[in-house]
Amino acid sequence: MIYADAKVKVPFHDIDIMEIAWHGHYVKYFEIARCELLDKLDYDHRRMRESGYAWPVIDMHLRYAKPARYNQVLNVRAVLKEWENRLKIDYLITDDVTGERLTRGHTVQVALDTSSWEMCFASPQVLLDKVARVEGEGS
């Protein structure tokens, strides 16, 4: 299993009048963990672009169990679930101290060849090679 964790402390500018994180900010928290995961693969957004591919998000799902509160430290885990034909990443947001589950979800991304902007029906070899390298290291 290839995964990455990110710590996020809920800032003042992310909360509403009830001092809970506004629901739209969870997408940002997912993105922070996704960037950590892509860094682990050595395939961040710059390297994607350099390799000739763009990876737009085409689907996202979030399920809220409990709210994140002002100043709460969250652990956001991103887990690579699929990579052969698309990039599917599962997310789990928990309280960093108690481990209590707050939110879970997933995103799906597809590869676009930036020379034609056509969608690829299989993930490019560059991604497959990077996943194989990390799997070989025993993530």
C-alpha atoms as a PDB file:
ATOM      1  CA  MET A   1       0.000   0.000   0.000  1.00  0.00           C
ATOM      2  CA  ILE A   2       1.397   3.368  -1.035  1.00  0.00           C
ATOM      3  CA  TYR A   3       0.243   6.219   1.173  1.00  0.00           C
ATOM      4  CA  ALA A   4       1.257   9.556   2.618  1.00  0.00           C
ATOM      5  CA  ASP A   5       0.111  11.442   5.689  1.00  0.00           C
ATOM      6  CA  ALA A   6      -0.174  15.193   6.122  1.00  0.00           C
ATOM      7  CA  LYS A   7      -0.841  17.151   9.289  1.00  0.00           C
ATOM      8  CA  VAL A   8      -3.263  20.056   9.033  1.00  0.00           C
ATOM      9  CA  LYS A   9      -4.143  22.401  11.881  1.00  0.00           C
ATOM     10  CA  VAL A  10      -7.575  23.909  11.196  1.00  0.00           C
ATOM     11  CA  PRO A  11      -6.891  27.648  10.855  1.00  0.00           C
ATOM     12  CA  PHE A  12      -9.177  30.504  11.821  1.00  0.00           C
ATOM     13  CA  HIS A  13      -9.841  31.446   8.193  1.00  0.00           C
ATOM     14  CA  ASP A  14     -11.277  27.946   7.498  1.00  0.00           C
ATOM     15  CA  ILE A  15     -14.004  28.036  10.165  1.00  0.00           C
ATOM     16  CA  ASP A  16     -17.568  29.302  10.292  1.00  0.00           C
ATOM     17  CA  ILE A  17     -19.488  30.937  13.142  1.00  0.00           C
ATOM     18  CA  MET A  18     -19.780  27.563  14.929  1.00  0.00           C
ATOM     19  CA  GLU A  19     -15.959  27.252  14.877  1.00  0.00           C
ATOM     20  CA  ILE A  20     -16.054  24.217  12.620  1.00  0.00           C
ATOM     21  CA  ALA A  21     -14.294  23.866   9.288  1.00  0.00           C
ATOM     22  CA  TRP A  22     -16.508  24.856   6.384  1.00  0.00           C
ATOM     23  CA  HIS A  23     -17.243  21.753   4.297  1.00  0.00           C
ATOM     24  CA  GLY A  24     -15.513  23.074   1.169  1.00  0.00           C
ATOM     25  CA  HIS A  25     -12.132  23.272   2.899  1.00  0.00           C
ATOM     26  CA  TYR A  26     -11.907  19.487   3.169  1.00  0.00           C
ATOM     27  CA  VAL A  27     -11.109  19.447  -0.549  1.00  0.00           C
ATOM     28  CA  LYS A  28      -8.051  21.566   0.256  1.00  0.00           C
ATOM     29  CA  TYR A  29      -7.062  19.156   3.033  1.00  0.00           C
ATOM     30  CA  PHE A  30      -7.327  16.260   0.558  1.00  0.00           C
ATOM     31  CA  GLU A  31      -5.131  18.198  -1.877  1.00  0.00           C
ATOM     32  CA  ILE A  32      -2.446  18.733   0.773  1.00  0.00           C
ATOM     33  CA  ALA A  33      -2.255  14.968   1.376  1.00  0.00           C
ATOM     34  CA  ARG A  34      -2.435  14.198  -2.357  1.00  0.00           C
ATOM     35  CA  CYS A  35       0.577  16.459  -2.932  1.00  0.00           C
ATOM     36  CA  GLU A  36       2.475  14.547  -0.225  1.00  0.00           C
ATOM     37  CA  LEU A  37       1.586  11.275  -1.962  1.00  0.00           C
ATOM     38  CA  LEU A  38       2.659  12.561  -5.372  1.00  0.00           C
ATOM     39  CA  ASP A  39       5.924  13.828  -3.849  1.00  0.00           C
ATOM     40  CA  LYS A  40       6.528  10.327  -2.495  1.00  0.00           C
ATOM     41  CA  LEU A  41       6.089   8.997  -6.031  1.00  0.00           C
ATOM     42  CA  ASP A  42       8.411  11.726  -7.366  1.00  0.00           C
ATOM     43  CA  TYR A  43       5.555  12.699  -9.670  1.00  0.00           C
ATOM     44  CA  ASP A  44       4.354  16.071  -8.444  1.00  0.00           C
ATOM     45  CA  HIS A  45       2.427  18.455 -10.681  1.00  0.00           C
ATOM     46  CA  ARG A  46       5.607  19.885 -12.229  1.00  0.00           C
ATOM     47  CA  ARG A  47       6.948  16.422 -13.081  1.00  0.00           C
ATOM     48  CA  MET A  48       3.559  15.467 -14.525  1.00  0.00           C
ATOM     49  CA  ARG A  49       3.687  18.467 -16.814  1.00  0.00           C
ATOM     50  CA  GLU A  50       7.305  17.755 -17.759  1.00  0.00           C
ATOM     51  CA  SER A  51       6.370  14.170 -18.633  1.00  0.00           C
ATOM     52  CA  GLY A  52       3.749  15.435 -21.099  1.00  0.00           C
ATOM     53  CA  TYR A  53       0.627  14.668 -19.095  1.00  0.00           C
ATOM     54  CA  ALA A  54      -1.966  16.598 -17.145  1.00  0.00           C
ATOM     55  CA  TRP A  55      -4.078  14.818 -14.534  1.00  0.00           C
ATOM     56  CA  PRO A  56      -7.374  16.633 -13.916  1.00  0.00           C
ATOM     57  CA  VAL A  57      -9.704  15.482 -11.179  1.00  0.00           C
ATOM     58  CA  ILE A  58     -12.845  14.094 -12.846  1.00  0.00           C
ATOM     59  CA  ASP A  59     -14.635  12.731  -9.789  1.00  0.00           C
ATOM     60  CA  MET A  60     -14.623  13.441  -6.061  1.00  0.00           C
ATOM     61  CA  HIS A  61     -16.568  12.006  -3.167  1.00  0.00           C
ATOM     62  CA  LEU A  62     -16.598  13.139   0.461  1.00  0.00           C
ATOM     63  CA  ARG A  63     -18.374  11.637   3.447  1.00  0.00           C
ATOM     64  CA  TYR A  64     -18.495  13.696   6.636  1.00  0.00           C
ATOM     65  CA  ALA A  65     -18.773  11.819   9.924  1.00  0.00           C
ATOM     66  CA  LYS A  66     -17.793  14.521  12.429  1.00  0.00           C
ATOM     67  CA  PRO A  67     -16.739  18.145  12.034  1.00  0.00           C
ATOM     68  CA  ALA A  68     -13.186  19.387  12.240  1.00  0.00           C
ATOM     69  CA  ARG A  69     -12.912  22.229  14.712  1.00  0.00           C
ATOM     70  CA  TYR A  70     -10.832  25.370  15.028  1.00  0.00           C
ATOM     71  CA  ASN A  71      -7.198  24.630  15.987  1.00  0.00           C
ATOM     72  CA  GLN A  72      -7.768  20.870  15.807  1.00  0.00           C
ATOM     73  CA  VAL A  73      -4.794  18.981  14.381  1.00  0.00           C
ATOM     74  CA  LEU A  74      -5.870  16.590  11.665  1.00  0.00           C
ATOM     75  CA  ASN A  75      -4.070  13.691  10.094  1.00  0.00           C
ATOM     76  CA  VAL A  76      -4.989  13.445   6.434  1.00  0.00           C
ATOM     77  CA  ARG A  77      -4.003  10.161   4.815  1.00  0.00           C
ATOM     78  CA  ALA A  78      -3.944   9.719   1.042  1.00  0.00           C
ATOM     79  CA  VAL A  79      -3.773   6.118  -0.217  1.00  0.00           C
ATOM     80  CA  LEU A  80      -3.090   5.181  -3.830  1.00  0.00           C
ATOM     81  CA  LYS A  81      -5.818   2.666  -4.719  1.00  0.00           C
ATOM     82  CA  GLU A  82      -5.734   2.465  -8.534  1.00  0.00           C
ATOM     83  CA  TRP A  83      -3.171   3.555 -11.099  1.00  0.00           C
ATOM     84  CA  GLU A  84      -3.378   1.300 -14.180  1.00  0.00           C
ATOM     85  CA  ASN A  85      -6.136   3.180 -16.045  1.00  0.00           C
ATOM     86  CA  ARG A  86      -6.763   6.117 -13.764  1.00  0.00           C
ATOM     87  CA  LEU A  87      -5.421   7.578 -10.573  1.00  0.00           C
ATOM     88  CA  LYS A  88      -7.788   6.832  -7.691  1.00  0.00           C
ATOM     89  CA  ILE A  89      -6.781   8.110  -4.287  1.00  0.00           C
ATOM     90  CA  ASP A  90      -8.665   7.366  -1.073  1.00  0.00           C
ATOM     91  CA  TYR A  91      -8.531   9.837   1.816  1.00  0.00           C
ATOM     92  CA  LEU A  92      -9.111   9.534   5.530  1.00  0.00           C
ATOM     93  CA  ILE A  93      -9.143  12.522   7.867  1.00  0.00           C
ATOM     94  CA  THR A  94      -8.776  11.695  11.546  1.00  0.00           C
ATOM     95  CA  ASP A  95      -8.101  13.602  14.731  1.00  0.00           C
ATOM     96  CA  ASP A  96      -4.330  13.466  15.137  1.00  0.00           C
ATOM     97  CA  VAL A  97      -4.524  12.817  18.895  1.00  0.00           C
ATOM     98  CA  THR A  98      -7.474  10.446  19.275  1.00  0.00           C
ATOM     99  CA  GLY A  99      -7.507   8.844  15.824  1.00  0.00           C
ATOM    100  CA  GLU A 100     -11.255   9.473  15.601  1.00  0.00           C
ATOM    101  CA  ARG A 101     -12.499   9.413  11.995  1.00  0.00           C
ATOM    102  CA  LEU A 102     -13.875  12.728  10.783  1.00  0.00           C
ATOM    103  CA  THR A 103     -14.083  12.495   7.004  1.00  0.00           C
ATOM    104  CA  ARG A 104     -13.311  10.071   4.228  1.00  0.00           C
ATOM    105  CA  GLY A 105     -13.485  10.293   0.484  1.00  0.00           C
ATOM    106  CA  HIS A 106     -11.743   9.723  -2.796  1.00  0.00           C
ATOM    107  CA  THR A 107     -10.711  11.462  -5.981  1.00  0.00           C
ATOM    108  CA  VAL A 108     -10.307  10.108  -9.498  1.00  0.00           C
ATOM    109  CA  GLN A 109      -7.931  11.638 -12.003  1.00  0.00           C
ATOM    110  CA  VAL A 110      -7.243  10.699 -15.618  1.00  0.00           C
ATOM    111  CA  ALA A 111      -4.212  11.356 -17.777  1.00  0.00           C
ATOM    112  CA  LEU A 112      -4.440  13.813 -20.643  1.00  0.00           C
ATOM    113  CA  ASP A 113      -1.692  13.909 -23.263  1.00  0.00           C
ATOM    114  CA  THR A 114      -0.738  17.603 -23.278  1.00  0.00           C
ATOM    115  CA  SER A 115       0.300  17.527 -26.936  1.00  0.00           C
ATOM    116  CA  SER A 116      -3.280  16.735 -28.047  1.00  0.00           C
ATOM    117  CA  TRP A 117      -5.325  17.165 -24.839  1.00  0.00           C
ATOM    118  CA  GLU A 118      -6.782  13.729 -25.520  1.00  0.00           C
ATOM    119  CA  MET A 119      -7.645  11.483 -22.591  1.00  0.00           C
ATOM    120  CA  CYS A 120      -5.478   8.386 -22.218  1.00  0.00           C
ATOM    121  CA  PHE A 121      -7.343   5.112 -21.689  1.00  0.00           C
ATOM    122  CA  ALA A 122      -4.408   3.658 -19.783  1.00  0.00           C
ATOM    123  CA  SER A 123      -2.027   5.365 -17.411  1.00  0.00           C
ATOM    124  CA  PRO A 124       1.234   6.417 -19.056  1.00  0.00           C
ATOM    125  CA  GLN A 125       4.316   4.312 -18.497  1.00  0.00           C
ATOM    126  CA  VAL A 126       5.987   7.109 -16.537  1.00  0.00           C
ATOM    127  CA  LEU A 127       3.401   6.739 -13.739  1.00  0.00           C
ATOM    128  CA  LEU A 128       3.570   2.946 -13.784  1.00  0.00           C
ATOM    129  CA  ASP A 129       7.371   3.114 -13.447  1.00  0.00           C
ATOM    130  CA  LYS A 130       7.180   5.494 -10.513  1.00  0.00           C
ATOM    131  CA  VAL A 131       4.623   3.340  -8.685  1.00  0.00           C
ATOM    132  CA  ALA A 132       6.735   0.218  -9.305  1.00  0.00           C
ATOM    133  CA  ARG A 133       9.803   1.986  -7.882  1.00  0.00           C
ATOM    134  CA  VAL A 134       8.003   2.965  -4.663  1.00  0.00           C
ATOM    135  CA  GLU A 135       6.409  -0.485  -4.334  1.00  0.00           C
ATOM    136  CA  GLY A 136       9.887  -1.983  -4.731  1.00  0.00           C
ATOM    137  CA  GLU A 137      11.139   0.179  -1.870  1.00  0.00           C
ATOM    138  CA  GLY A 138       8.426  -1.280   0.355  1.00  0.00           C
ATOM    139  CA  SER A 139       6.502   2.001   0.820  1.00  0.00           C
END
